[in-house]
PDB file of N, CA and C in Angstrom:
ATOM      1  N   MET A   1    -123.654-236.141  90.352  1.00  0.00           N
ATOM      2  CA  MET A   1    -123.394-235.469  91.817  1.00  0.00           C
ATOM      3  C   MET A   1    -121.796-235.372  91.577  1.00  0.00           C
ATOM      4  N   ASN A   2    -121.735-236.683  91.635  1.00  0.00           N
ATOM      5  CA  ASN A   2    -119.689-237.763  91.802  1.00  0.00           C
ATOM      6  C   ASN A   2    -118.999-237.113  90.441  1.00  0.00           C
ATOM      7  N   LYS A   3    -119.457-236.542  89.606  1.00  0.00           N
ATOM      8  CA  LYS A   3    -118.673-235.542  88.812  1.00  0.00           C
ATOM      9  C   LYS A   3    -118.717-234.740  88.237  1.00  0.00           C
ATOM     10  N   ARG A   4    -119.276-234.146  89.048  1.00  0.00           N
ATOM     11  CA  ARG A   4    -119.106-232.390  89.482  1.00  0.00           C
ATOM     12  C   ARG A   4    -117.576-232.881  90.857  1.00  0.00           C
ATOM     13  N   ASN A   5    -117.778-233.446  91.495  1.00  0.00           N
ATOM     14  CA  ASN A   5    -115.962-233.827  92.236  1.00  0.00           C
ATOM     15  C   ASN A   5    -115.069-232.949  91.737  1.00  0.00           C
ATOM     16  N   ASN A   6    -115.244-233.710  89.891  1.00  0.00           N
ATOM     17  CA  ASN A   6    -114.410-234.444  89.521  1.00  0.00           C
ATOM     18  C   ASN A   6    -113.067-233.341  88.904  1.00  0.00           C
ATOM     19  N   ILE A   7    -114.139-232.298  89.348  1.00  0.00           N
ATOM     20  CA  ILE A   7    -114.176-231.144  87.802  1.00  0.00           C
ATOM     21  C   ILE A   7    -112.962-229.874  89.388  1.00  0.00           C
ATOM     22  N   ARG A   8    -111.655-229.224  87.674  1.00  0.00           N
ATOM     23  CA  ARG A   8    -111.081-228.484  88.542  1.00  0.00           C
ATOM     24  C   ARG A   8    -111.375-227.290  88.212  1.00  0.00           C
ATOM     25  N   LEU A   9    -112.321-226.226  88.542  1.00  0.00           N
ATOM     26  CA  LEU A   9    -112.993-224.537  88.149  1.00  0.00           C
ATOM     27  C   LEU A   9    -111.413-224.089  88.657  1.00  0.00           C
ATOM     28  N   PRO A  10    -111.325-222.850  87.511  1.00  0.00           N
ATOM     29  CA  PRO A  10    -110.964-222.011  87.695  1.00  0.00           C
ATOM     30  C   PRO A  10    -110.312-220.774  89.803  1.00  0.00           C
ATOM     31  N   PRO A  11    -109.187-220.560  89.764  1.00  0.00           N
ATOM     32  CA  PRO A  11    -109.192-219.897  91.062  1.00  0.00           C
ATOM     33  C   PRO A  11    -110.464-218.914  91.032  1.00  0.00           C
ATOM     34  N   GLU A  12    -110.895-218.508  89.933  1.00  0.00           N
ATOM     35  CA  GLU A  12    -111.709-217.236  90.011  1.00  0.00           C
ATOM     36  C   GLU A  12    -112.790-217.131  90.231  1.00  0.00           C
ATOM     37  N   VAL A  13    -113.188-219.093  89.867  1.00  0.00           N
ATOM     38  CA  VAL A  13    -114.480-219.018  89.607  1.00  0.00           C
ATOM     39  C   VAL A  13    -114.442-219.291  91.033  1.00  0.00           C
ATOM     40  N   ASN A  14    -115.890-218.840  92.014  1.00  0.00           N
ATOM     41  CA  ASN A  14    -116.767-218.284  93.299  1.00  0.00           C
ATOM     42  C   ASN A  14    -118.607-218.990  93.441  1.00  0.00           C
ATOM     43  N   ARG A  15    -119.120-218.308  94.616  1.00  0.00           N
ATOM     44  CA  ARG A  15    -120.432-218.881  94.465  1.00  0.00           C
ATOM     45  C   ARG A  15    -120.806-217.091  94.428  1.00  0.00           C
ATOM     46  N   LEU A  16    -120.615-215.670  94.591  1.00  0.00           N
ATOM     47  CA  LEU A  16    -121.076-214.775  94.376  1.00  0.00           C
ATOM     48  C   LEU A  16    -120.816-214.181  92.535  1.00  0.00           C
ATOM     49  N   LEU A  17    -121.554-213.857  91.713  1.00  0.00           N
ATOM     50  CA  LEU A  17    -121.074-212.485  91.780  1.00  0.00           C
ATOM     51  C   LEU A  17    -121.240-210.930  90.482  1.00  0.00           C
ATOM     52  N   TYR A  18    -121.018-210.503  90.501  1.00  0.00           N
ATOM     53  CA  TYR A  18    -120.950-208.943  90.304  1.00  0.00           C
ATOM     54  C   TYR A  18    -121.163-208.691  88.522  1.00  0.00           C
ATOM     55  N   VAL A  19    -122.488-208.248  89.382  1.00  0.00           N
ATOM     56  CA  VAL A  19    -123.628-208.182  88.037  1.00  0.00           C
ATOM     57  C   VAL A  19    -123.382-206.266  87.454  1.00  0.00           C
ATOM     58  N   ARG A  20    -123.348-205.934  86.744  1.00  0.00           N
ATOM     59  CA  ARG A  20    -123.135-204.621  85.815  1.00  0.00           C
ATOM     60  C   ARG A  20    -124.029-204.672  84.704  1.00  0.00           C
ATOM     61  N   ASN A  21    -124.443-203.414  84.672  1.00  0.00           N
ATOM     62  CA  ASN A  21    -125.582-203.275  83.281  1.00  0.00           C
ATOM     63  C   ASN A  21    -126.491-202.663  83.451  1.00  0.00           C
ATOM     64  N   LEU A  22    -126.428-202.703  84.346  1.00  0.00           N
ATOM     65  CA  LEU A  22    -128.139-203.307  84.660  1.00  0.00           C
ATOM     66  C   LEU A  22    -128.993-201.813  84.750  1.00  0.00           C
ATOM     67  N   PRO A  23    -130.743-202.418  83.862  1.00  0.00           N
ATOM     68  CA  PRO A  23    -131.428-200.908  84.072  1.00  0.00           C
ATOM     69  C   PRO A  23    -132.098-200.962  85.556  1.00  0.00           C
ATOM     70  N   TYR A  24    -131.955-199.723  85.943  1.00  0.00           N
ATOM     71  CA  TYR A  24    -131.028-199.162  86.826  1.00  0.00           C
ATOM     72  C   TYR A  24    -133.091-199.153  87.484  1.00  0.00           C
ATOM     73  N   LYS A  25    -134.038-199.845  86.672  1.00  0.00           N
ATOM     74  CA  LYS A  25    -135.562-199.834  87.863  1.00  0.00           C
ATOM     75  C   LYS A  25    -135.819-201.710  87.661  1.00  0.00           C
ATOM     76  N   ILE A  26    -135.438-201.700  87.944  1.00  0.00           N
ATOM     77  CA  ILE A  26    -135.372-203.363  87.848  1.00  0.00           C
ATOM     78  C   ILE A  26    -135.204-204.372  89.674  1.00  0.00           C
ATOM     79  N   THR A  27    -135.420-205.085  89.045  1.00  0.00           N
ATOM     80  CA  THR A  27    -136.662-205.428  91.054  1.00  0.00           C
ATOM     81  C   THR A  27    -135.332-206.404  90.972  1.00  0.00           C
ATOM     82  N   SER A  28    -135.668-206.959  93.192  1.00  0.00           N
ATOM     83  CA  SER A  28    -134.746-208.272  93.295  1.00  0.00           C
ATOM     84  C   SER A  28    -135.659-209.038  92.746  1.00  0.00           C
ATOM     85  N   GLU A  29    -137.251-209.148  92.697  1.00  0.00           N
ATOM     86  CA  GLU A  29    -138.140-211.049  91.804  1.00  0.00           C
ATOM     87  C   GLU A  29    -137.727-210.382  89.784  1.00  0.00           C
ATOM     88  N   GLU A  30    -137.570-209.252  89.293  1.00  0.00           N
ATOM     89  CA  GLU A  30    -137.189-209.477  88.170  1.00  0.00           C
ATOM     90  C   GLU A  30    -135.323-210.739  87.876  1.00  0.00           C
ATOM     91  N   MET A  31    -135.136-209.912  88.888  1.00  0.00           N
ATOM     92  CA  MET A  31    -133.480-210.350  88.805  1.00  0.00           C
ATOM     93  C   MET A  31    -133.880-212.153  89.727  1.00  0.00           C
ATOM     94  N   TYR A  32    -134.309-212.881  90.443  1.00  0.00           N
ATOM     95  CA  TYR A  32    -134.894-214.090  91.117  1.00  0.00           C
ATOM     96  C   TYR A  32    -135.212-214.937  89.282  1.00  0.00           C
ATOM     97  N   ASP A  33    -135.576-213.878  89.143  1.00  0.00           N
ATOM     98  CA  ASP A  33    -135.816-214.582  87.636  1.00  0.00           C
ATOM     99  C   ASP A  33    -135.963-215.377  86.597  1.00  0.00           C
ATOM    100  N   ILE A  34    -134.560-214.126  86.694  1.00  0.00           N
ATOM    101  CA  ILE A  34    -133.924-214.080  85.447  1.00  0.00           C
ATOM    102  C   ILE A  34    -132.135-215.026  85.926  1.00  0.00           C
ATOM    103  N   PHE A  35    -131.886-215.065  87.012  1.00  0.00           N
ATOM    104  CA  PHE A  35    -131.191-215.388  87.909  1.00  0.00           C
ATOM    105  C   PHE A  35    -131.248-217.051  87.928  1.00  0.00           C
ATOM    106  N   GLY A  36    -132.690-217.100  89.437  1.00  0.00           N
ATOM    107  CA  GLY A  36    -133.456-218.149  89.163  1.00  0.00           C
ATOM    108  C   GLY A  36    -133.016-219.466  88.482  1.00  0.00           C
ATOM    109  N   LYS A  37    -132.781-219.514  87.380  1.00  0.00           N
ATOM    110  CA  LYS A  37    -133.276-220.707  86.548  1.00  0.00           C
ATOM    111  C   LYS A  37    -131.943-221.652  86.464  1.00  0.00           C
ATOM    112  N   TYR A  38    -130.912-221.312  86.461  1.00  0.00           N
ATOM    113  CA  TYR A  38    -129.455-221.303  87.628  1.00  0.00           C
ATOM    114  C   TYR A  38    -128.550-221.839  87.662  1.00  0.00           C
ATOM    115  N   GLY A  39    -130.066-222.117  88.737  1.00  0.00           N
ATOM    116  CA  GLY A  39    -129.291-222.507  90.105  1.00  0.00           C
ATOM    117  C   GLY A  39    -130.780-221.823  92.095  1.00  0.00           C
ATOM    118  N   ALA A  40    -130.418-223.002  93.330  1.00  0.00           N
ATOM    119  CA  ALA A  40    -130.715-222.225  94.238  1.00  0.00           C
ATOM    120  C   ALA A  40    -129.634-220.676  94.265  1.00  0.00           C
ATOM    121  N   ILE A  41    -130.448-219.719  94.467  1.00  0.00           N
ATOM    122  CA  ILE A  41    -130.366-218.592  94.600  1.00  0.00           C
ATOM    123  C   ILE A  41    -129.651-218.599  96.793  1.00  0.00           C
ATOM    124  N   ARG A  42    -129.132-218.253  97.374  1.00  0.00           N
ATOM    125  CA  ARG A  42    -129.354-217.320  97.975  1.00  0.00           C
ATOM    126  C   ARG A  42    -129.798-216.083  98.932  1.00  0.00           C
ATOM    127  N   GLN A  43    -128.894-214.881  98.171  1.00  0.00           N
ATOM    128  CA  GLN A  43    -129.419-214.482  98.105  1.00  0.00           C
ATOM    129  C   GLN A  43    -129.146-213.220  96.922  1.00  0.00           C
ATOM    130  N   ILE A  44    -129.668-212.070  96.561  1.00  0.00           N
ATOM    131  CA  ILE A  44    -129.031-211.299  95.332  1.00  0.00           C
ATOM    132  C   ILE A  44    -128.978-209.915  95.745  1.00  0.00           C
ATOM    133  N   ARG A  45    -128.512-208.693  96.892  1.00  0.00           N
ATOM    134  CA  ARG A  45    -128.563-207.436  96.261  1.00  0.00           C
ATOM    135  C   ARG A  45    -128.092-206.203  95.721  1.00  0.00           C
ATOM    136  N   VAL A  46    -130.019-205.584  95.735  1.00  0.00           N
ATOM    137  CA  VAL A  46    -129.774-204.660  94.210  1.00  0.00           C
ATOM    138  C   VAL A  46    -128.761-203.452  95.431  1.00  0.00           C
ATOM    139  N   GLY A  47    -128.230-202.735  93.606  1.00  0.00           N
ATOM    140  CA  GLY A  47    -128.091-201.259  93.759  1.00  0.00           C
ATOM    141  C   GLY A  47    -128.445-199.798  93.933  1.00  0.00           C
ATOM    142  N   ASN A  48    -129.351-199.668  95.478  1.00  0.00           N
ATOM    143  CA  ASN A  48    -129.924-198.063  95.206  1.00  0.00           C
ATOM    144  C   ASN A  48    -129.179-197.215  95.806  1.00  0.00           C
ATOM    145  N   THR A  49    -128.235-197.465  95.515  1.00  0.00           N
ATOM    146  CA  THR A  49    -127.712-195.148  96.176  1.00  0.00           C
ATOM    147  C   THR A  49    -127.241-194.965  94.772  1.00  0.00           C
ATOM    148  N   PRO A  50    -126.404-194.083  94.392  1.00  0.00           N
ATOM    149  CA  PRO A  50    -126.278-192.449  93.057  1.00  0.00           C
ATOM    150  C   PRO A  50    -125.379-193.256  92.565  1.00  0.00           C
ATOM    151  N   GLU A  51    -123.838-194.184  93.095  1.00  0.00           N
ATOM    152  CA  GLU A  51    -123.242-195.108  93.257  1.00  0.00           C
ATOM    153  C   GLU A  51    -123.364-196.505  92.568  1.00  0.00           C
ATOM    154  N   THR A  52    -124.315-196.665  93.330  1.00  0.00           N
ATOM    155  CA  THR A  52    -124.178-198.879  93.124  1.00  0.00           C
ATOM    156  C   THR A  52    -125.431-198.634  92.502  1.00  0.00           C
ATOM    157  N   ARG A  53    -126.334-197.653  91.918  1.00  0.00           N
ATOM    158  CA  ARG A  53    -127.046-198.571  90.763  1.00  0.00           C
ATOM    159  C   ARG A  53    -127.004-199.005  89.560  1.00  0.00           C
ATOM    160  N   GLY A  54    -127.593-199.939  89.170  1.00  0.00           N
ATOM    161  CA  GLY A  54    -126.766-200.599  87.637  1.00  0.00           C
ATOM    162  C   GLY A  54    -126.394-202.457  87.810  1.00  0.00           C
ATOM    163  N   THR A  55    -125.848-202.088  89.299  1.00  0.00           N
ATOM    164  CA  THR A  55    -124.873-202.884  89.722  1.00  0.00           C
ATOM    165  C   THR A  55    -126.075-204.129  90.609  1.00  0.00           C
ATOM    166  N   ALA A  56    -125.281-205.093  91.202  1.00  0.00           N
ATOM    167  CA  ALA A  56    -125.847-206.135  91.838  1.00  0.00           C
ATOM    168  C   ALA A  56    -124.992-207.467  91.819  1.00  0.00           C
ATOM    169  N   PHE A  57    -124.928-207.918  93.286  1.00  0.00           N
ATOM    170  CA  PHE A  57    -124.699-209.259  93.745  1.00  0.00           C
ATOM    171  C   PHE A  57    -125.358-209.808  93.785  1.00  0.00           C
ATOM    172  N   VAL A  58    -124.630-211.372  93.194  1.00  0.00           N
ATOM    173  CA  VAL A  58    -125.642-212.888  93.307  1.00  0.00           C
ATOM    174  C   VAL A  58    -125.279-213.309  93.947  1.00  0.00           C
ATOM    175  N   VAL A  59    -125.496-214.052  94.820  1.00  0.00           N
ATOM    176  CA  VAL A  59    -125.092-214.920  95.644  1.00  0.00           C
ATOM    177  C   VAL A  59    -125.865-216.378  95.394  1.00  0.00           C
ATOM    178  N   TYR A  60    -125.009-217.308  94.866  1.00  0.00           N
ATOM    179  CA  TYR A  60    -125.658-218.189  94.129  1.00  0.00           C
ATOM    180  C   TYR A  60    -125.476-220.084  95.803  1.00  0.00           C
ATOM    181  N   GLU A  61    -126.187-220.921  95.926  1.00  0.00           N
ATOM    182  CA  GLU A  61    -126.104-221.649  96.879  1.00  0.00           C
ATOM    183  C   GLU A  61    -124.916-222.915  96.700  1.00  0.00           C
ATOM    184  N   ASP A  62    -125.028-224.046  95.277  1.00  0.00           N
ATOM    185  CA  ASP A  62    -123.528-223.861  94.324  1.00  0.00           C
ATOM    186  C   ASP A  62    -122.767-223.103  93.645  1.00  0.00           C
ATOM    187  N   ILE A  63    -121.055-223.191  93.426  1.00  0.00           N
ATOM    188  CA  ILE A  63    -120.565-222.947  92.943  1.00  0.00           C
ATOM    189  C   ILE A  63    -120.472-223.001  91.078  1.00  0.00           C
ATOM    190  N   PHE A  64    -121.042-224.515  90.942  1.00  0.00           N
ATOM    191  CA  PHE A  64    -120.742-225.107  89.670  1.00  0.00           C
ATOM    192  C   PHE A  64    -122.796-224.170  89.007  1.00  0.00           C
ATOM    193  N   ASP A  65    -123.842-223.989  89.439  1.00  0.00           N
ATOM    194  CA  ASP A  65    -125.180-223.442  90.237  1.00  0.00           C
ATOM    195  C   ASP A  65    -124.229-221.528  89.768  1.00  0.00           C
ATOM    196  N   ALA A  66    -123.784-221.533  90.003  1.00  0.00           N
ATOM    197  CA  ALA A  66    -122.905-219.580  89.969  1.00  0.00           C
ATOM    198  C   ALA A  66    -121.820-219.695  88.743  1.00  0.00           C
ATOM    199  N   LYS A  67    -120.677-220.681  88.190  1.00  0.00           N
ATOM    200  CA  LYS A  67    -120.026-221.014  86.715  1.00  0.00           C
ATOM    201  C   LYS A  67    -121.213-220.998  85.498  1.00  0.00           C
ATOM    202  N   ASN A  68    -122.044-221.822  85.458  1.00  0.00           N
ATOM    203  CA  ASN A  68    -123.492-221.786  84.898  1.00  0.00           C
ATOM    204  C   ASN A  68    -124.256-220.575  84.862  1.00  0.00           C
ATOM    205  N   ALA A  69    -124.372-219.920  85.458  1.00  0.00           N
ATOM    206  CA  ALA A  69    -124.964-218.851  84.979  1.00  0.00           C
ATOM    207  C   ALA A  69    -124.725-217.570  84.227  1.00  0.00           C
ATOM    208  N   CYS A  70    -123.005-217.618  85.121  1.00  0.00           N
ATOM    209  CA  CYS A  70    -121.665-216.404  84.338  1.00  0.00           C
ATOM    210  C   CYS A  70    -121.522-216.919  83.629  1.00  0.00           C
ATOM    211  N   ASP A  71    -121.670-217.758  82.717  1.00  0.00           N
ATOM    212  CA  ASP A  71    -121.350-217.863  81.690  1.00  0.00           C
ATOM    213  C   ASP A  71    -122.207-218.280  81.055  1.00  0.00           C
ATOM    214  N   HIS A  72    -123.349-218.450  80.993  1.00  0.00           N
ATOM    215  CA  HIS A  72    -124.803-217.804  80.025  1.00  0.00           C
ATOM    216  C   HIS A  72    -125.585-216.867  80.017  1.00  0.00           C
ATOM    217  N   LEU A  73    -125.173-215.876  81.302  1.00  0.00           N
ATOM    218  CA  LEU A  73    -125.564-214.959  81.277  1.00  0.00           C
ATOM    219  C   LEU A  73    -125.029-213.295  81.166  1.00  0.00           C
ATOM    220  N   SER A  74    -124.081-213.748  81.346  1.00  0.00           N
ATOM    221  CA  SER A  74    -122.808-212.183  80.293  1.00  0.00           C
ATOM    222  C   SER A  74    -123.907-212.017  78.932  1.00  0.00           C
ATOM    223  N   GLY A  75    -123.373-211.356  78.589  1.00  0.00           N
ATOM    224  CA  GLY A  75    -123.962-210.693  77.297  1.00  0.00           C
ATOM    225  C   GLY A  75    -125.514-210.283  77.159  1.00  0.00           C
ATOM    226  N   PHE A  76    -126.322-211.087  77.754  1.00  0.00           N
ATOM    227  CA  PHE A  76    -127.143-211.213  78.220  1.00  0.00           C
ATOM    228  C   PHE A  76    -127.883-210.080  78.636  1.00  0.00           C
ATOM    229  N   ASN A  77    -129.205-210.031  76.775  1.00  0.00           N
ATOM    230  CA  ASN A  77    -129.884-208.334  77.005  1.00  0.00           C
ATOM    231  C   ASN A  77    -131.219-208.205  77.918  1.00  0.00           C
ATOM    232  N   VAL A  78    -131.037-207.656  79.230  1.00  0.00           N
ATOM    233  CA  VAL A  78    -131.976-206.963  79.484  1.00  0.00           C
ATOM    234  C   VAL A  78    -132.548-206.025  79.289  1.00  0.00           C
ATOM    235  N   CYS A  79    -133.559-204.848  78.631  1.00  0.00           N
ATOM    236  CA  CYS A  79    -134.767-203.948  78.640  1.00  0.00           C
ATOM    237  C   CYS A  79    -132.835-202.832  77.747  1.00  0.00           C
ATOM    238  N   ASN A  80    -133.189-203.794  77.040  1.00  0.00           N
ATOM    239  CA  ASN A  80    -132.056-202.898  75.804  1.00  0.00           C
ATOM    240  C   ASN A  80    -130.111-202.908  76.520  1.00  0.00           C
ATOM    241  N   ARG A  81    -129.779-203.733  77.576  1.00  0.00           N
ATOM    242  CA  ARG A  81    -128.662-204.060  78.282  1.00  0.00           C
ATOM    243  C   ARG A  81    -128.233-204.869  77.799  1.00  0.00           C
ATOM    244  N   TYR A  82    -126.595-204.876  78.096  1.00  0.00           N
ATOM    245  CA  TYR A  82    -126.203-206.202  78.184  1.00  0.00           C
ATOM    246  C   TYR A  82    -125.240-206.349  78.808  1.00  0.00           C
ATOM    247  N   LEU A  83    -125.754-207.482  79.547  1.00  0.00           N
ATOM    248  CA  LEU A  83    -125.742-207.215  81.502  1.00  0.00           C
ATOM    249  C   LEU A  83    -123.650-208.057  81.189  1.00  0.00           C
ATOM    250  N   VAL A  84    -122.959-207.661  81.901  1.00  0.00           N
ATOM    251  CA  VAL A  84    -121.607-207.812  82.417  1.00  0.00           C
ATOM    252  C   VAL A  84    -121.985-208.994  84.012  1.00  0.00           C
ATOM    253  N   VAL A  85    -121.358-209.661  83.380  1.00  0.00           N
ATOM    254  CA  VAL A  85    -121.649-211.237  84.947  1.00  0.00           C
ATOM    255  C   VAL A  85    -119.901-211.131  85.568  1.00  0.00           C
ATOM    256  N   LEU A  86    -118.922-210.774  86.379  1.00  0.00           N
ATOM    257  CA  LEU A  86    -118.663-210.941  87.029  1.00  0.00           C
ATOM    258  C   LEU A  86    -118.403-212.495  88.311  1.00  0.00           C
ATOM    259  N   TYR A  87    -117.060-213.009  88.619  1.00  0.00           N
ATOM    260  CA  TYR A  87    -117.369-213.675  89.594  1.00  0.00           C
ATOM    261  C   TYR A  87    -116.298-212.173  90.203  1.00  0.00           C
ATOM    262  N   TYR A  88    -117.643-211.789  92.043  1.00  0.00           N
ATOM    263  CA  TYR A  88    -116.598-211.085  92.485  1.00  0.00           C
ATOM    264  C   TYR A  88    -115.309-211.554  93.639  1.00  0.00           C
ATOM    265  N   GLN A  89    -114.196-210.672  93.513  1.00  0.00           N
ATOM    266  CA  GLN A  89    -113.095-210.936  93.491  1.00  0.00           C
ATOM    267  C   GLN A  89    -112.867-209.813  94.307  1.00  0.00           C
ATOM    268  N   SER A  90    -113.073-209.844  95.897  1.00  0.00           N
ATOM    269  CA  SER A  90    -112.903-209.253  97.052  1.00  0.00           C
ATOM    270  C   SER A  90    -111.324-208.582  97.046  1.00  0.00           C
ATOM    271  N   ASN A  91    -109.910-209.249  96.378  1.00  0.00           N
ATOM    272  CA  ASN A  91    -108.447-208.404  96.459  1.00  0.00           C
ATOM    273  C   ASN A  91    -108.777-207.338  95.445  1.00  0.00           C
ATOM    274  N   LYS A  92    -109.006-207.367  94.453  1.00  0.00           N
ATOM    275  CA  LYS A  92    -109.526-206.559  93.685  1.00  0.00           C
ATOM    276  C   LYS A  92    -110.288-205.431  94.072  1.00  0.00           C
ATOM    277  N   ALA A  93    -112.021-204.986  94.237  1.00  0.00           N
ATOM    278  CA  ALA A  93    -112.732-204.228  95.356  1.00  0.00           C
ATOM    279  C   ALA A  93    -111.443-204.116  96.104  1.00  0.00           C
ATOM    280  N   PHE A  94    -111.143-204.456  97.227  1.00  0.00           N
ATOM    281  CA  PHE A  94    -110.250-203.618  98.597  1.00  0.00           C
ATOM    282  C   PHE A  94    -109.606-203.273  97.215  1.00  0.00           C
ATOM    283  N   LYS A  95    -108.143-203.215  96.047  1.00  0.00           N
ATOM    284  CA  LYS A  95    -107.479-202.423  96.153  1.00  0.00           C
ATOM    285  C   LYS A  95    -107.903-201.090  95.422  1.00  0.00           C
ATOM    286  N   ARG A  96    -108.751-201.572  94.736  1.00  0.00           N
ATOM    287  CA  ARG A  96    -109.322-200.580  94.069  1.00  0.00           C
ATOM    288  C   ARG A  96    -109.605-199.147  95.632  1.00  0.00           C
ATOM    289  N   LEU A  97    -110.064-199.216  96.449  1.00  0.00           N
ATOM    290  CA  LEU A  97    -110.030-198.660  97.374  1.00  0.00           C
ATOM    291  C   LEU A  97    -108.919-197.642  98.207  1.00  0.00           C
ATOM    292  N   ASP A  98    -107.518-199.402  98.508  1.00  0.00           N
ATOM    293  CA  ASP A  98    -106.459-198.948  98.275  1.00  0.00           C
ATOM    294  C   ASP A  98    -105.956-197.723  97.657  1.00  0.00           C
ATOM    295  N   VAL A  99    -105.962-197.963  96.465  1.00  0.00           N
ATOM    296  CA  VAL A  99    -105.035-196.860  95.277  1.00  0.00           C
ATOM    297  C   VAL A  99    -105.971-195.430  95.617  1.00  0.00           C
ATOM    298  N   ASP A 100    -107.387-195.492  95.856  1.00  0.00           N
ATOM    299  CA  ASP A 100    -108.191-194.639  95.984  1.00  0.00           C
ATOM    300  C   ASP A 100    -107.424-193.722  97.403  1.00  0.00           C
ATOM    301  N   LYS A 101    -107.407-194.029  98.513  1.00  0.00           N
ATOM    302  CA  LYS A 101    -107.042-193.447  99.256  1.00  0.00           C
ATOM    303  C   LYS A 101    -106.037-193.494  99.498  1.00  0.00           C
ATOM    304  N   LYS A 102    -104.887-193.902  98.671  1.00  0.00           N
ATOM    305  CA  LYS A 102    -103.923-192.885  98.238  1.00  0.00           C
ATOM    306  C   LYS A 102    -103.701-192.274  97.794  1.00  0.00           C
ATOM    307  N   GLN A 103    -104.347-192.324  96.602  1.00  0.00           N
ATOM    308  CA  GLN A 103    -104.605-190.394  95.779  1.00  0.00           C
ATOM    309  C   GLN A 103    -105.322-189.759  96.250  1.00  0.00           C
ATOM    310  N   GLU A 104    -105.912-189.622  97.535  1.00  0.00           N
ATOM    311  CA  GLU A 104    -106.350-188.585  98.567  1.00  0.00           C
ATOM    312  C   GLU A 104    -105.322-188.228  99.067  1.00  0.00           C
ATOM    313  N   GLU A 105    -104.516-189.115 100.376  1.00  0.00           N
ATOM    314  CA  GLU A 105    -103.691-188.863 100.903  1.00  0.00           C
ATOM    315  C   GLU A 105    -102.795-187.815 100.489  1.00  0.00           C
ATOM    316  N   LEU A 106    -102.978-188.025  98.513  1.00  0.00           N
ATOM    317  CA  LEU A 106    -100.672-187.819  98.052  1.00  0.00           C
ATOM    318  C   LEU A 106    -101.242-186.586  97.519  1.00  0.00           C
ATOM    319  N   ASN A 107    -102.483-186.380  97.359  1.00  0.00           N
ATOM    320  CA  ASN A 107    -103.199-184.532  97.109  1.00  0.00           C
ATOM    321  C   ASN A 107    -103.920-183.433  98.508  1.00  0.00           C
ATOM    322  N   ASN A 108    -103.365-183.845  99.799  1.00  0.00           N
ATOM    323  CA  ASN A 108    -103.625-184.177 100.892  1.00  0.00           C
ATOM    324  C   ASN A 108    -102.227-183.532 101.698  1.00  0.00           C
ATOM    325  N   ILE A 109    -100.865-184.169 100.825  1.00  0.00           N
ATOM    326  CA  ILE A 109     -99.681-183.369 101.483  1.00  0.00           C
ATOM    327  C   ILE A 109     -99.441-182.906 100.182  1.00  0.00           C
ATOM    328  N   LYS A 110     -99.916-182.688  99.075  1.00  0.00           N
ATOM    329  CA  LYS A 110     -99.348-181.973  97.678  1.00  0.00           C
ATOM    330  C   LYS A 110    -100.119-180.854  98.411  1.00  0.00           C
ATOM    331  N   THR A 111    -101.470-180.110  98.572  1.00  0.00           N
ATOM    332  CA  THR A 111    -102.581-178.869  99.311  1.00  0.00           C
ATOM    333  C   THR A 111    -101.949-178.874  99.911  1.00  0.00           C
ATOM    334  N   LYS A 112    -100.848-179.346 101.203  1.00  0.00           N
ATOM    335  CA  LYS A 112    -100.017-179.115 101.966  1.00  0.00           C
ATOM    336  C   LYS A 112     -98.992-178.865 102.467  1.00  0.00           C
ATOM    337  N   TYR A 113     -97.904-178.937 101.093  1.00  0.00           N
ATOM    338  CA  TYR A 113     -96.934-178.052 100.619  1.00  0.00           C
ATOM    339  C   TYR A 113     -97.075-178.085  99.844  1.00  0.00           C
ATOM    340  N   ASN A 114     -97.672-176.998  98.879  1.00  0.00           N
ATOM    341  CA  ASN A 114     -98.492-176.657  97.952  1.00  0.00           C
ATOM    342  C   ASN A 114     -97.445-177.052  97.036  1.00  0.00           C
ATOM    343  N   LEU A 115     -97.143-178.533  96.820  1.00  0.00           N
ATOM    344  CA  LEU A 115     -96.656-178.578  95.450  1.00  0.00           C
ATOM    345  C   LEU A 115     -97.581-178.503  94.240  1.00  0.00           C
ATOM    346  N   LYS A 116     -96.404-178.236  93.088  1.00  0.00           N
ATOM    347  CA  LYS A 116     -97.326-178.555  91.550  1.00  0.00           C
ATOM    348  C   LYS A 116     -96.734-180.278  90.877  1.00  0.00           C
ATOM    349  N   THR A 117     -97.788-180.890  90.331  1.00  0.00           N
ATOM    350  CA  THR A 117     -96.784-182.151  89.088  1.00  0.00           C
ATOM    351  C   THR A 117     -97.359-181.172  87.825  1.00  0.00           C
ATOM    352  N   PRO A 118     -97.119-182.522  87.339  1.00  0.00           N
ATOM    353  CA  PRO A 118     -96.966-181.433  85.518  1.00  0.00           C
ATOM    354  C   PRO A 118     -98.784-181.529  85.522  1.00  0.00           C
ATOM    355  N   GLU A 119     -98.813-182.698  85.643  1.00  0.00           N
ATOM    356  CA  GLU A 119    -100.591-183.076  85.270  1.00  0.00           C
ATOM    357  C   GLU A 119    -101.270-182.952  86.098  1.00  0.00           C
ATOM    358  N   SER A 120    -101.133-181.917  87.020  1.00  0.00           N
ATOM    359  CA  SER A 120    -102.277-180.677  87.483  1.00  0.00           C
ATOM    360  C   SER A 120    -102.600-179.029  87.290  1.00  0.00           C
TER     361      SER A 120
END
């Protein structure tokens, strides 16, 4: 355990993993079986809406367990689908929401003033 304290991890590494390209019918129990091999899990959230199907969030108790799982399970084959396992980065997730919101505002202004742009 003492050796772990001396290791410096990259800044993007955290306990929260974002998993994509999951089979739509995967259950939380199957997720615990796959990800639980790498350490104690605090929580797993599997997407259940049309927008979030095939994705999940996995929260580990320890950051080193999350790193180990990310390293080993990225590209892992589950039901003929290769998993994409990433560290969750909230700043990137919220930036995407901001971009979508700005685009919607821009479209509303274009409609309001009946403006046409070359790409529309």
